[in-house]
Amino acid sequence: MGQSRQPEPFAHTFSIVARDERTGDMAVGVQSHWFSVGTTVSWAEAGVGAVATQSFVNKSFGIRGLQLLKQGKTAQQALDALLKDDAGREVRQVAIVDAKGNVAVHTGKKCIDYAGHRKGKNYSVQANMMLTSKVPDAMATAFEKNASLPLQERVLKALEAAQGAGGDIRGKQSAVLLVVRGKSTGAPWDDNHLVDLRVDDSPQPLQELARLLRVHLAYEHMNNGDLAIEKNDMKRAMTEYGAAMKLFPDNLEMKYWTAIGLANSRQVAKAADMLRSIYAKDPNWRELTRRLPKVGLLTVSEKDLKELVW
């Protein structure tokens, strides 16, 4: 039950585990000067909790921590059980938040300076091998003062504040943002993960993570637009597609399906104008338009179809 059998990876880093008081959703956010930190530090399961295991990492703490929470243990009880027989506890840094908002965190005495943590209501921030001692406080302050934002954006703000306070003494390389539902629906393919973004190797991992989050949110709007079309709610569909394009204005696919939605709502002239600009950048979209009527995704007359694929 102690140390993992494989050589333990380093993940000297800063991270946050958090729960949204309003929705119950839970998150882990991390940045490190270590390749692909998301495969090592961040663990979460809908309706259960979230774990960050770092410093000299015992990766089993992620899976075992979640198992202990599923058995009914609180975050603190799970953490105590993980550390009890761990010969390497003094080089570990671990934080857990459970589905009820209980938080537990441990920073071993032999974690490399600067190392520390700060625990607050529904969250914990922790860091080791930092350039300055200001990182945990900066993260906590950013998380608390952005309480009006969605959880994923609050977590990103905390990570950005950590970097602003000096960050990892070695620099930066990878980052992760993971969000799961507060309550399981019994459909893990939907529950895990609401947000699951990783930057494995980048000179500016948090900037790239922020960009990916904008793309993620844009595609969420696209999915909502598609669902609205299924329900024949064209007004809602156009609102969602418009929100998607605002977040990701250069994406041809978002423009394309918005145009198809307009065509299906009998706004053929407007759709044709949009498609004309899309075809000019990539003519393959014209061929796709020709194929849509066969599968019922474009429901226009032959005359209107000619206007759309001229």
C-alpha atoms as a PDB file:
ATOM      1  CA  MET A   1       0.000   0.000   0.000  1.00  0.00           C
ATOM      2  CA  GLY A   2       3.063   2.253   0.104  1.00  0.00           C
ATOM      3  CA  GLN A   3       5.339   3.275  -2.704  1.00  0.00           C
ATOM      4  CA  SER A   4       4.591   2.372  -6.291  1.00  0.00           C
ATOM      5  CA  ARG A   5       6.817  -0.307  -7.810  1.00  0.00           C
ATOM      6  CA  GLN A   6       7.789   1.717 -10.857  1.00  0.00           C
ATOM      7  CA  PRO A   7      10.311   4.562 -10.550  1.00  0.00           C
ATOM      8  CA  GLU A   8       8.393   7.547  -9.245  1.00  0.00           C
ATOM      9  CA  PRO A   9       8.126  10.493 -11.645  1.00  0.00           C
ATOM     10  CA  PHE A  10       8.908  14.017 -10.622  1.00  0.00           C
ATOM     11  CA  ALA A  11       6.055  16.501 -10.855  1.00  0.00           C
ATOM     12  CA  HIS A  12       7.328  19.582  -9.095  1.00  0.00           C
ATOM     13  CA  THR A  13       4.503  21.889  -9.876  1.00  0.00           C
ATOM     14  CA  PHE A  14       1.585  24.009  -8.757  1.00  0.00           C
ATOM     15  CA  SER A  15      -1.993  22.781  -8.773  1.00  0.00           C
ATOM     16  CA  ILE A  16      -5.516  23.351  -7.519  1.00  0.00           C
ATOM     17  CA  VAL A  17      -8.331  20.974  -6.619  1.00  0.00           C
ATOM     18  CA  ALA A  18     -11.708  22.645  -6.297  1.00  0.00           C
ATOM     19  CA  ARG A  19     -15.465  22.188  -6.119  1.00  0.00           C
ATOM     20  CA  ASP A  20     -18.092  24.598  -7.434  1.00  0.00           C
ATOM     21  CA  GLU A  21     -20.499  25.322  -4.597  1.00  0.00           C
ATOM     22  CA  ARG A  22     -23.330  26.097  -7.019  1.00  0.00           C
ATOM     23  CA  THR A  23     -23.110  23.126  -9.374  1.00  0.00           C
ATOM     24  CA  GLY A  24     -21.144  20.618  -7.327  1.00  0.00           C
ATOM     25  CA  ASP A  25     -18.741  20.104 -10.243  1.00  0.00           C
ATOM     26  CA  MET A  26     -15.130  19.348  -9.300  1.00  0.00           C
ATOM     27  CA  ALA A  27     -11.861  20.237 -10.980  1.00  0.00           C
ATOM     28  CA  VAL A  28      -8.108  19.793 -11.031  1.00  0.00           C
ATOM     29  CA  GLY A  29      -5.815  22.351 -12.656  1.00  0.00           C
ATOM     30  CA  VAL A  30      -2.051  21.970 -12.966  1.00  0.00           C
ATOM     31  CA  GLN A  31       1.022  23.535 -14.543  1.00  0.00           C
ATOM     32  CA  SER A  32       4.554  22.159 -14.388  1.00  0.00           C
ATOM     33  CA  HIS A  33       7.986  22.191 -15.986  1.00  0.00           C
ATOM     34  CA  TRP A  34       7.550  18.501 -16.759  1.00  0.00           C
ATOM     35  CA  PHE A  35       6.354  16.779 -19.894  1.00  0.00           C
ATOM     36  CA  SER A  36       2.680  15.710 -19.998  1.00  0.00           C
ATOM     37  CA  VAL A  37       1.865  16.521 -16.381  1.00  0.00           C
ATOM     38  CA  GLY A  38      -1.774  15.565 -16.993  1.00  0.00           C
ATOM     39  CA  THR A  39      -0.855  11.875 -17.152  1.00  0.00           C
ATOM     40  CA  THR A  40       0.589  12.015 -13.647  1.00  0.00           C
ATOM     41  CA  VAL A  41      -0.900  14.624 -11.331  1.00  0.00           C
ATOM     42  CA  SER A  42      -4.614  15.049 -12.117  1.00  0.00           C
ATOM     43  CA  TRP A  43      -7.326  12.524 -11.235  1.00  0.00           C
ATOM     44  CA  ALA A  44     -11.090  12.994 -10.911  1.00  0.00           C
ATOM     45  CA  GLU A  45     -14.362  11.090 -11.110  1.00  0.00           C
ATOM     46  CA  ALA A  46     -17.917  12.401 -11.322  1.00  0.00           C
ATOM     47  CA  GLY A  47     -19.829  12.210  -8.052  1.00  0.00           C
ATOM     48  CA  VAL A  48     -16.677  11.150  -6.214  1.00  0.00           C
ATOM     49  CA  GLY A  49     -13.921  13.750  -6.047  1.00  0.00           C
ATOM     50  CA  ALA A  50     -10.684  15.117  -7.438  1.00  0.00           C
ATOM     51  CA  VAL A  51      -7.070  14.393  -6.528  1.00  0.00           C
ATOM     52  CA  ALA A  52      -3.756  16.087  -7.298  1.00  0.00           C
ATOM     53  CA  THR A  53      -0.668  13.998  -6.500  1.00  0.00           C
ATOM     54  CA  GLN A  54       2.668  15.700  -7.100  1.00  0.00           C
ATOM     55  CA  SER A  55       6.260  16.396  -6.012  1.00  0.00           C
ATOM     56  CA  PHE A  56       7.828  12.883  -6.002  1.00  0.00           C
ATOM     57  CA  VAL A  57       4.635  11.385  -7.323  1.00  0.00           C
ATOM     58  CA  ASN A  58       2.953   8.238  -6.123  1.00  0.00           C
ATOM     59  CA  LYS A  59       0.555   7.878  -9.054  1.00  0.00           C
ATOM     60  CA  SER A  60      -1.441   5.201  -7.230  1.00  0.00           C
ATOM     61  CA  PHE A  61      -2.729   7.963  -4.949  1.00  0.00           C
ATOM     62  CA  GLY A  62      -4.967   9.144  -7.787  1.00  0.00           C
ATOM     63  CA  ILE A  63      -6.844   5.904  -8.374  1.00  0.00           C
ATOM     64  CA  ARG A  64      -6.652   4.701  -4.774  1.00  0.00           C
ATOM     65  CA  GLY A  65      -7.755   8.076  -3.453  1.00  0.00           C
ATOM     66  CA  LEU A  66     -10.871   8.024  -5.612  1.00  0.00           C
ATOM     67  CA  GLN A  67     -11.588   4.428  -4.558  1.00  0.00           C
ATOM     68  CA  LEU A  68     -11.405   5.409  -0.904  1.00  0.00           C
ATOM     69  CA  LEU A  69     -13.833   8.275  -1.508  1.00  0.00           C
ATOM     70  CA  LYS A  70     -16.232   5.862  -3.235  1.00  0.00           C
ATOM     71  CA  GLN A  71     -16.095   3.698  -0.123  1.00  0.00           C
ATOM     72  CA  GLY A  72     -17.543   6.622   1.821  1.00  0.00           C
ATOM     73  CA  LYS A  73     -14.399   8.119   3.306  1.00  0.00           C
ATOM     74  CA  THR A  74     -14.032  11.886   3.496  1.00  0.00           C
ATOM     75  CA  ALA A  75     -11.188  13.670   1.773  1.00  0.00           C
ATOM     76  CA  GLN A  76      -9.174  13.736   5.004  1.00  0.00           C
ATOM     77  CA  GLN A  77      -9.823  10.084   5.794  1.00  0.00           C
ATOM     78  CA  ALA A  78      -8.769   9.100   2.278  1.00  0.00           C
ATOM     79  CA  LEU A  79      -5.587  11.166   2.505  1.00  0.00           C
ATOM     80  CA  ASP A  80      -4.729   9.699   5.912  1.00  0.00           C
ATOM     81  CA  ALA A  81      -5.158   6.194   4.537  1.00  0.00           C
ATOM     82  CA  LEU A  82      -2.908   6.925   1.539  1.00  0.00           C
ATOM     83  CA  LEU A  83      -0.113   8.359   3.668  1.00  0.00           C
ATOM     84  CA  LYS A  84      -0.309   5.897   6.545  1.00  0.00           C
ATOM     85  CA  ASP A  85       1.981   3.252   5.073  1.00  0.00           C
ATOM     86  CA  ASP A  86       3.807   5.423   2.557  1.00  0.00           C
ATOM     87  CA  ALA A  87       7.537   5.454   3.260  1.00  0.00           C
ATOM     88  CA  GLY A  88       7.875   8.440   0.921  1.00  0.00           C
ATOM     89  CA  ARG A  89       5.260  10.611   2.565  1.00  0.00           C
ATOM     90  CA  GLU A  90       7.722  13.401   3.335  1.00  0.00           C
ATOM     91  CA  VAL A  91       8.464  13.958  -0.349  1.00  0.00           C
ATOM     92  CA  ARG A  92       4.786  13.828  -1.367  1.00  0.00           C
ATOM     93  CA  GLN A  93       2.380  16.649  -2.002  1.00  0.00           C
ATOM     94  CA  VAL A  94      -1.242  15.561  -2.283  1.00  0.00           C
ATOM     95  CA  ALA A  95      -4.598  17.341  -2.271  1.00  0.00           C
ATOM     96  CA  ILE A  96      -8.117  15.903  -2.361  1.00  0.00           C
ATOM     97  CA  VAL A  97     -11.585  17.431  -2.620  1.00  0.00           C
ATOM     98  CA  ASP A  98     -14.628  15.193  -2.280  1.00  0.00           C
ATOM     99  CA  ALA A  99     -18.149  15.541  -3.649  1.00  0.00           C
ATOM    100  CA  LYS A 100     -19.371  17.141  -0.409  1.00  0.00           C
ATOM    101  CA  GLY A 101     -16.737  19.844  -0.549  1.00  0.00           C
ATOM    102  CA  ASN A 102     -14.452  18.401   2.115  1.00  0.00           C
ATOM    103  CA  VAL A 103     -10.806  19.243   1.420  1.00  0.00           C
ATOM    104  CA  ALA A 104      -7.549  17.675   2.592  1.00  0.00           C
ATOM    105  CA  VAL A 105      -3.962  18.499   1.683  1.00  0.00           C
ATOM    106  CA  HIS A 106      -0.464  17.333   2.637  1.00  0.00           C
ATOM    107  CA  THR A 107       2.924  18.855   1.909  1.00  0.00           C
ATOM    108  CA  GLY A 108       5.804  16.660   3.011  1.00  0.00           C
ATOM    109  CA  LYS A 109       8.682  18.161   4.989  1.00  0.00           C
ATOM    110  CA  LYS A 110      11.164  17.176   2.269  1.00  0.00           C
ATOM    111  CA  CYS A 111       9.336  18.745  -0.667  1.00  0.00           C
ATOM    112  CA  ILE A 112      11.714  21.147  -2.405  1.00  0.00           C
ATOM    113  CA  ASP A 113      11.411  24.832  -1.540  1.00  0.00           C
ATOM    114  CA  TYR A 114       9.499  26.792  -2.000  1.00  0.00           C
ATOM    115  CA  ALA A 115       6.784  24.286  -1.082  1.00  0.00           C
ATOM    116  CA  GLY A 116       3.479  24.954   0.602  1.00  0.00           C
ATOM    117  CA  HIS A 117      -0.286  24.941   0.337  1.00  0.00           C
ATOM    118  CA  ARG A 118      -3.345  26.896   1.281  1.00  0.00           C
ATOM    119  CA  LYS A 119      -6.718  25.344   1.974  1.00  0.00           C
ATOM    120  CA  GLY A 120     -10.000  27.228   1.615  1.00  0.00           C
ATOM    121  CA  LYS A 121     -13.697  26.522   1.348  1.00  0.00           C
ATOM    122  CA  ASN A 122     -14.187  23.897  -1.385  1.00  0.00           C
ATOM    123  CA  TYR A 123     -10.602  24.161  -2.651  1.00  0.00           C
ATOM    124  CA  SER A 124      -6.929  23.639  -1.986  1.00  0.00           C
ATOM    125  CA  VAL A 125      -3.940  25.111  -3.798  1.00  0.00           C
ATOM    126  CA  GLN A 126      -0.483  23.589  -3.483  1.00  0.00           C
ATOM    127  CA  ALA A 127       2.956  24.130  -4.951  1.00  0.00           C
ATOM    128  CA  ASN A 128       6.501  22.866  -4.682  1.00  0.00           C
ATOM    129  CA  MET A 129       9.833  23.914  -6.200  1.00  0.00           C
ATOM    130  CA  MET A 130       8.466  27.409  -6.730  1.00  0.00           C
ATOM    131  CA  LEU A 131      10.551  30.498  -7.414  1.00  0.00           C
ATOM    132  CA  THR A 132       8.882  32.430  -4.574  1.00  0.00           C
ATOM    133  CA  SER A 133       6.800  31.770  -1.470  1.00  0.00           C
ATOM    134  CA  LYS A 134       3.937  33.855  -2.868  1.00  0.00           C
ATOM    135  CA  VAL A 135       2.453  31.234  -5.189  1.00  0.00           C
ATOM    136  CA  PRO A 136      -0.151  29.545  -2.909  1.00  0.00           C
ATOM    137  CA  ASP A 137      -1.527  32.846  -1.629  1.00  0.00           C
ATOM    138  CA  ALA A 138      -1.698  34.260  -5.156  1.00  0.00           C
ATOM    139  CA  MET A 139      -3.624  31.195  -6.351  1.00  0.00           C
ATOM    140  CA  ALA A 140      -6.048  31.286  -3.424  1.00  0.00           C
ATOM    141  CA  THR A 141      -6.725  34.984  -3.862  1.00  0.00           C
ATOM    142  CA  ALA A 142      -7.395  34.590  -7.587  1.00  0.00           C
ATOM    143  CA  PHE A 143      -9.716  31.638  -7.057  1.00  0.00           C
ATOM    144  CA  GLU A 144     -11.715  33.377  -4.344  1.00  0.00           C
ATOM    145  CA  LYS A 145     -12.083  36.741  -6.062  1.00  0.00           C
ATOM    146  CA  ASN A 146     -13.379  35.137  -9.285  1.00  0.00           C
ATOM    147  CA  ALA A 147     -16.247  33.317  -7.604  1.00  0.00           C
ATOM    148  CA  SER A 148     -18.730  34.561 -10.225  1.00  0.00           C
ATOM    149  CA  LEU A 149     -16.938  32.731 -13.049  1.00  0.00           C
ATOM    150  CA  PRO A 150     -17.596  29.127 -14.129  1.00  0.00           C
ATOM    151  CA  LEU A 151     -15.386  26.636 -12.305  1.00  0.00           C
ATOM    152  CA  GLN A 152     -13.051  25.954 -15.218  1.00  0.00           C
ATOM    153  CA  GLU A 153     -12.351  29.660 -15.661  1.00  0.00           C
ATOM    154  CA  ARG A 154     -11.761  30.159 -11.932  1.00  0.00           C
ATOM    155  CA  VAL A 155      -9.244  27.324 -11.950  1.00  0.00           C
ATOM    156  CA  LEU A 156      -7.452  28.838 -14.938  1.00  0.00           C
ATOM    157  CA  LYS A 157      -7.319  32.212 -13.162  1.00  0.00           C
ATOM    158  CA  ALA A 158      -5.678  30.518 -10.175  1.00  0.00           C
ATOM    159  CA  LEU A 159      -3.062  28.886 -12.399  1.00  0.00           C
ATOM    160  CA  GLU A 160      -2.337  32.170 -14.151  1.00  0.00           C
ATOM    161  CA  ALA A 161      -1.923  33.877 -10.775  1.00  0.00           C
ATOM    162  CA  ALA A 162       0.593  31.227  -9.730  1.00  0.00           C
ATOM    163  CA  GLN A 163       2.677  31.879 -12.818  1.00  0.00           C
ATOM    164  CA  GLY A 164       2.389  35.600 -12.213  1.00  0.00           C
ATOM    165  CA  ALA A 165       3.815  35.107  -8.717  1.00  0.00           C
ATOM    166  CA  GLY A 166       6.898  33.377 -10.095  1.00  0.00           C
ATOM    167  CA  GLY A 167       5.721  29.852 -10.812  1.00  0.00           C
ATOM    168  CA  ASP A 168       7.996  26.832 -11.091  1.00  0.00           C
ATOM    169  CA  ILE A 169      11.642  27.805 -10.561  1.00  0.00           C
ATOM    170  CA  ARG A 170      12.576  25.715 -13.641  1.00  0.00           C
ATOM    171  CA  GLY A 171      10.059  27.365 -15.960  1.00  0.00           C
ATOM    172  CA  LYS A 172       6.992  25.902 -17.655  1.00  0.00           C
ATOM    173  CA  GLN A 173       6.181  23.096 -20.072  1.00  0.00           C
ATOM    174  CA  SER A 174       2.790  21.414 -19.594  1.00  0.00           C
ATOM    175  CA  ALA A 175      -0.635  22.038 -18.093  1.00  0.00           C
ATOM    176  CA  VAL A 176      -3.983  20.349 -17.560  1.00  0.00           C
ATOM    177  CA  LEU A 177      -7.574  21.337 -16.806  1.00  0.00           C
ATOM    178  CA  LEU A 178      -9.986  18.576 -15.783  1.00  0.00           C
ATOM    179  CA  VAL A 179     -13.624  19.087 -14.685  1.00  0.00           C
ATOM    180  CA  VAL A 180     -16.174  16.395 -13.749  1.00  0.00           C
ATOM    181  CA  ARG A 181     -19.796  16.486 -12.625  1.00  0.00           C
ATOM    182  CA  GLY A 182     -20.627  16.772  -8.952  1.00  0.00           C
ATOM    183  CA  LYS A 183     -23.210  14.010  -9.278  1.00  0.00           C
ATOM    184  CA  SER A 184     -22.908  10.944 -11.433  1.00  0.00           C
ATOM    185  CA  THR A 185     -25.725  10.388 -13.919  1.00  0.00           C
ATOM    186  CA  GLY A 186     -24.782   6.752 -14.382  1.00  0.00           C
ATOM    187  CA  ALA A 187     -23.397   7.612 -17.811  1.00  0.00           C
ATOM    188  CA  PRO A 188     -19.637   8.027 -17.342  1.00  0.00           C
ATOM    189  CA  TRP A 189     -19.223   8.829 -21.037  1.00  0.00           C
ATOM    190  CA  ASP A 190     -21.114  12.060 -20.297  1.00  0.00           C
ATOM    191  CA  ASP A 191     -19.984  12.690 -16.703  1.00  0.00           C
ATOM    192  CA  ASN A 192     -16.266  12.258 -17.281  1.00  0.00           C
ATOM    193  CA  HIS A 193     -15.173  14.679 -18.389  1.00  0.00           C
ATOM    194  CA  LEU A 194     -17.028  17.982 -18.725  1.00  0.00           C
ATOM    195  CA  VAL A 195     -13.679  19.590 -19.523  1.00  0.00           C
ATOM    196  CA  ASP A 196     -10.603  17.488 -20.265  1.00  0.00           C
ATOM    197  CA  LEU A 197      -7.803  19.601 -21.729  1.00  0.00           C
ATOM    198  CA  ARG A 198      -4.098  18.908 -21.764  1.00  0.00           C
ATOM    199  CA  VAL A 199      -1.072  20.771 -23.049  1.00  0.00           C
ATOM    200  CA  ASP A 200       1.787  18.283 -22.991  1.00  0.00           C
ATOM    201  CA  ASP A 201       4.658  20.385 -24.315  1.00  0.00           C
ATOM    202  CA  SER A 202       4.562  24.127 -24.920  1.00  0.00           C
ATOM    203  CA  PRO A 203       6.686  27.200 -24.158  1.00  0.00           C
ATOM    204  CA  GLN A 204       3.463  28.875 -22.953  1.00  0.00           C
ATOM    205  CA  PRO A 205       1.245  26.089 -21.582  1.00  0.00           C
ATOM    206  CA  LEU A 206      -1.257  28.306 -19.781  1.00  0.00           C
ATOM    207  CA  GLN A 207      -1.810  30.485 -22.834  1.00  0.00           C
ATOM    208  CA  GLU A 208      -2.388  27.355 -24.876  1.00  0.00           C
ATOM    209  CA  LEU A 209      -4.690  25.945 -22.191  1.00  0.00           C
ATOM    210  CA  ALA A 210      -6.733  29.162 -22.258  1.00  0.00           C
ATOM    211  CA  ARG A 211      -6.980  28.925 -26.051  1.00  0.00           C
ATOM    212  CA  LEU A 212      -8.123  25.310 -25.861  1.00  0.00           C
ATOM    213  CA  LEU A 213     -10.728  26.256 -23.256  1.00  0.00           C
ATOM    214  CA  ARG A 214     -12.156  28.874 -25.635  1.00  0.00           C
ATOM    215  CA  VAL A 215     -12.300  26.246 -28.392  1.00  0.00           C
ATOM    216  CA  HIS A 216     -13.939  23.791 -25.998  1.00  0.00           C
ATOM    217  CA  LEU A 217     -16.600  26.333 -25.030  1.00  0.00           C
ATOM    218  CA  ALA A 218     -17.188  27.177 -28.690  1.00  0.00           C
ATOM    219  CA  TYR A 219     -17.824  23.536 -29.528  1.00  0.00           C
ATOM    220  CA  GLU A 220     -20.163  23.265 -26.553  1.00  0.00           C
ATOM    221  CA  HIS A 221     -22.238  26.015 -28.150  1.00  0.00           C
ATOM    222  CA  MET A 222     -22.090  24.138 -31.464  1.00  0.00           C
ATOM    223  CA  ASN A 223     -23.343  20.965 -29.786  1.00  0.00           C
ATOM    224  CA  ASN A 224     -26.152  22.914 -28.130  1.00  0.00           C
ATOM    225  CA  GLY A 225     -27.038  24.353 -31.521  1.00  0.00           C
ATOM    226  CA  ASP A 226     -27.192  20.877 -33.035  1.00  0.00           C
ATOM    227  CA  LEU A 227     -29.493  19.719 -30.229  1.00  0.00           C
ATOM    228  CA  ALA A 228     -31.731  22.719 -30.821  1.00  0.00           C
ATOM    229  CA  ILE A 229     -31.980  21.825 -34.511  1.00  0.00           C
ATOM    230  CA  GLU A 230     -33.003  18.285 -33.564  1.00  0.00           C
ATOM    231  CA  LYS A 231     -35.843  19.863 -31.579  1.00  0.00           C
ATOM    232  CA  ASN A 232     -36.676  22.214 -34.470  1.00  0.00           C
ATOM    233  CA  ASP A 233     -35.784  25.239 -32.333  1.00  0.00           C
ATOM    234  CA  MET A 234     -34.028  27.296 -34.982  1.00  0.00           C
ATOM    235  CA  LYS A 235     -33.971  30.477 -32.915  1.00  0.00           C
ATOM    236  CA  ARG A 236     -32.023  28.737 -30.146  1.00  0.00           C
ATOM    237  CA  ALA A 237     -29.799  27.025 -32.711  1.00  0.00           C
ATOM    238  CA  MET A 238     -28.807  30.312 -34.318  1.00  0.00           C
ATOM    239  CA  THR A 239     -28.107  31.859 -30.913  1.00  0.00           C
ATOM    240  CA  GLU A 240     -25.829  28.958 -29.986  1.00  0.00           C
ATOM    241  CA  TYR A 241     -24.057  28.926 -33.350  1.00  0.00           C
ATOM    242  CA  GLY A 242     -23.532  32.671 -33.105  1.00  0.00           C
ATOM    243  CA  ALA A 243     -21.990  32.295 -29.650  1.00  0.00           C
ATOM    244  CA  ALA A 244     -19.670  29.600 -30.999  1.00  0.00           C
ATOM    245  CA  MET A 245     -18.467  31.752 -33.881  1.00  0.00           C
ATOM    246  CA  LYS A 246     -17.853  34.674 -31.539  1.00  0.00           C
ATOM    247  CA  LEU A 247     -15.499  32.508 -29.478  1.00  0.00           C
ATOM    248  CA  PHE A 248     -13.786  30.908 -32.490  1.00  0.00           C
ATOM    249  CA  PRO A 249     -14.351  33.260 -35.452  1.00  0.00           C
ATOM    250  CA  ASP A 250     -11.820  31.681 -37.822  1.00  0.00           C
ATOM    251  CA  ASN A 251     -13.205  28.145 -37.660  1.00  0.00           C
ATOM    252  CA  LEU A 252     -14.754  27.209 -41.021  1.00  0.00           C
ATOM    253  CA  GLU A 253     -16.718  24.287 -39.649  1.00  0.00           C
ATOM    254  CA  MET A 254     -18.618  26.461 -37.199  1.00  0.00           C
ATOM    255  CA  LYS A 255     -19.478  28.899 -39.967  1.00  0.00           C
ATOM    256  CA  TYR A 256     -20.464  26.028 -42.238  1.00  0.00           C
ATOM    257  CA  TRP A 257     -22.959  24.373 -39.916  1.00  0.00           C
ATOM    258  CA  THR A 258     -24.396  27.756 -39.027  1.00  0.00           C
ATOM    259  CA  ALA A 259     -25.009  28.304 -42.736  1.00  0.00           C
ATOM    260  CA  ILE A 260     -26.629  24.874 -43.066  1.00  0.00           C
ATOM    261  CA  GLY A 261     -28.853  25.712 -40.115  1.00  0.00           C
ATOM    262  CA  LEU A 262     -29.893  28.925 -41.835  1.00  0.00           C
ATOM    263  CA  ALA A 263     -30.658  27.041 -45.040  1.00  0.00           C
ATOM    264  CA  ASN A 264     -32.812  24.533 -43.184  1.00  0.00           C
ATOM    265  CA  SER A 265     -34.740  27.410 -41.626  1.00  0.00           C
ATOM    266  CA  ARG A 266     -35.444  28.733 -45.144  1.00  0.00           C
ATOM    267  CA  GLN A 267     -32.947  31.569 -44.968  1.00  0.00           C
ATOM    268  CA  VAL A 268     -31.326  30.338 -48.143  1.00  0.00           C
ATOM    269  CA  ALA A 269     -29.936  33.637 -49.423  1.00  0.00           C
ATOM    270  CA  LYS A 270     -28.174  34.347 -46.150  1.00  0.00           C
ATOM    271  CA  ALA A 271     -26.857  30.786 -46.049  1.00  0.00           C
ATOM    272  CA  ALA A 272     -25.576  31.051 -49.614  1.00  0.00           C
ATOM    273  CA  ASP A 273     -23.629  34.210 -48.759  1.00  0.00           C
ATOM    274  CA  MET A 274     -21.921  32.462 -45.867  1.00  0.00           C
ATOM    275  CA  LEU A 275     -21.191  29.352 -47.905  1.00  0.00           C
ATOM    276  CA  ARG A 276     -19.675  31.404 -50.705  1.00  0.00           C
ATOM    277  CA  SER A 277     -16.967  32.711 -48.372  1.00  0.00           C
ATOM    278  CA  ILE A 278     -16.384  29.220 -46.975  1.00  0.00           C
ATOM    279  CA  TYR A 279     -16.026  27.620 -50.414  1.00  0.00           C
ATOM    280  CA  ALA A 280     -13.523  30.312 -51.390  1.00  0.00           C
ATOM    281  CA  LYS A 281     -11.233  29.135 -48.598  1.00  0.00           C
ATOM    282  CA  ASP A 282     -11.820  25.398 -49.043  1.00  0.00           C
ATOM    283  CA  PRO A 283     -13.916  24.030 -51.950  1.00  0.00           C
ATOM    284  CA  ASN A 284     -14.328  20.646 -50.270  1.00  0.00           C
ATOM    285  CA  TRP A 285     -17.141  22.140 -48.194  1.00  0.00           C
ATOM    286  CA  ARG A 286     -19.163  22.544 -51.426  1.00  0.00           C
ATOM    287  CA  GLU A 287     -18.924  18.822 -52.077  1.00  0.00           C
ATOM    288  CA  LEU A 288     -20.018  18.126 -48.504  1.00  0.00           C
ATOM    289  CA  THR A 289     -23.093  20.306 -49.043  1.00  0.00           C
ATOM    290  CA  ARG A 290     -24.057  18.154 -52.044  1.00  0.00           C
ATOM    291  CA  ARG A 291     -23.941  15.056 -49.832  1.00  0.00           C
ATOM    292  CA  LEU A 292     -26.104  16.344 -46.974  1.00  0.00           C
ATOM    293  CA  PRO A 293     -29.601  15.979 -48.517  1.00  0.00           C
ATOM    294  CA  LYS A 294     -29.094  12.208 -48.880  1.00  0.00           C
ATOM    295  CA  VAL A 295     -28.817  11.805 -45.102  1.00  0.00           C
ATOM    296  CA  GLY A 296     -31.441  14.403 -44.199  1.00  0.00           C
ATOM    297  CA  LEU A 297     -29.084  17.032 -42.811  1.00  0.00           C
ATOM    298  CA  LEU A 298     -30.003  19.541 -45.501  1.00  0.00           C
ATOM    299  CA  THR A 299     -33.727  19.778 -46.226  1.00  0.00           C
ATOM    300  CA  VAL A 300     -34.098  22.228 -49.079  1.00  0.00           C
ATOM    301  CA  SER A 301     -35.632  22.072 -52.544  1.00  0.00           C
ATOM    302  CA  GLU A 302     -33.592  21.212 -55.636  1.00  0.00           C
ATOM    303  CA  LYS A 303     -33.784  24.848 -56.646  1.00  0.00           C
ATOM    304  CA  ASP A 304     -32.442  26.038 -53.287  1.00  0.00           C
ATOM    305  CA  LEU A 305     -29.747  23.388 -53.314  1.00  0.00           C
ATOM    306  CA  LYS A 306     -28.447  24.740 -56.624  1.00  0.00           C
ATOM    307  CA  GLU A 307     -28.223  28.186 -55.047  1.00  0.00           C
ATOM    308  CA  LEU A 308     -26.205  26.713 -52.193  1.00  0.00           C
ATOM    309  CA  VAL A 309     -23.729  24.742 -54.307  1.00  0.00           C
ATOM    310  CA  TRP A 310     -23.592  26.900 -57.484  1.00  0.00           C
END
